Amino acid sequence: MSRIFVIGSINTDLCIRASYFPKQGETLTGSGFFTARGGKGANQAVAAARLGGEVVMGGCVGDDTFGREALEALTADGVDVSTIRVVPGVPTGTAVIVLTDGDNRILLDPGANARLTEEDVDRTLADAKPGDILLAPLENPIPVIGYALQKGRERGMFVMLNPAPANRDILPYVSFCDLILPNETETELLGGETALRALGTDVLVTLGGKGYSINGTVFPCPKITPVDTTAAGDTFCGGLSAGLSHGETLENAARFGSRAASLACTRAGAQPSIPTKTEVENWK
């Protein structure tokens, strides 16, 4: 089995439900406030671990309560956190999330995530072997993530980029990727699927309730009534990575990731919604 190395963000999510999204200047009474572990990098690391992968996480947290709790939670899920750096005097990344009718709006302070360096990348990938998997989203400095993609390619890893949130500054580094995983909006912002494939990478586009496409071929996903879509994309990425780490084909690994993401959408929260491999296999 290949190992999965995730380099990305680590956040604490502060979530509240509302009947609708507040308008400018409006104070709206919500309900059901809860906190959850989040950050695209941490979400994807947790998803990959719960769904059967052996995961090493690289990133940064602050020297605060949120940071300590995040490391404890990752460790409890079986993620290797030995290369995550604690940054003094800087808060752990924090997201404020408003949930309504299965949709969400997010306000993010990156905090320590903005302090990720090339040295952090080198430390995380120090033991990576050819055939291992690198997965990286874009909530850390773009040049550092680009550096990680390049180093992953140099080490002979299978390099996966989840370009979320979309940023065109990552385009010069896409040629180091074996697979890029945008959603429809991110695909458009990055120039379209044809342009991305011309950079030498396979393209898997997540299509929400319509499923996903692999190099232009569309595959359906399970039909559900969503409760919270916050971690759907991250769960898909983690499940896909876990499948690939066990030697599955891209098509089979994507099918597994899609089922895991659909199941996650029936639950609230980011990391709390991510299912285990057994739950996905037993889900009807």
Foldseek 3Di string as FASTA:
>chain_A
DFAEEFEFAKEKEWEWEFQDDDDPPDDGDTDDTDIDIDTLRLLLQLLLLQQAHQYEYFAEAEPDPSRVVRVVVSVVSNYHDPLYYYDYPKHGKYWYWYDHQLEIDIDIDRIRLQVDDLVSLCVRCVPHAAAHEYEYEPSYDLVSVLSNLQVCLVRNYAYEYEDPPADLVNVVSLLSHQEYEYEPVNQVVNPHDVVSVVSPYWYWYQDPQQGIATNRRGDGADDDRFDYQPALSSSLSSQLSNCVSVPHDSVVSNRLSRLQSRQLRNDDDRNVSGHGSVCSVPPD
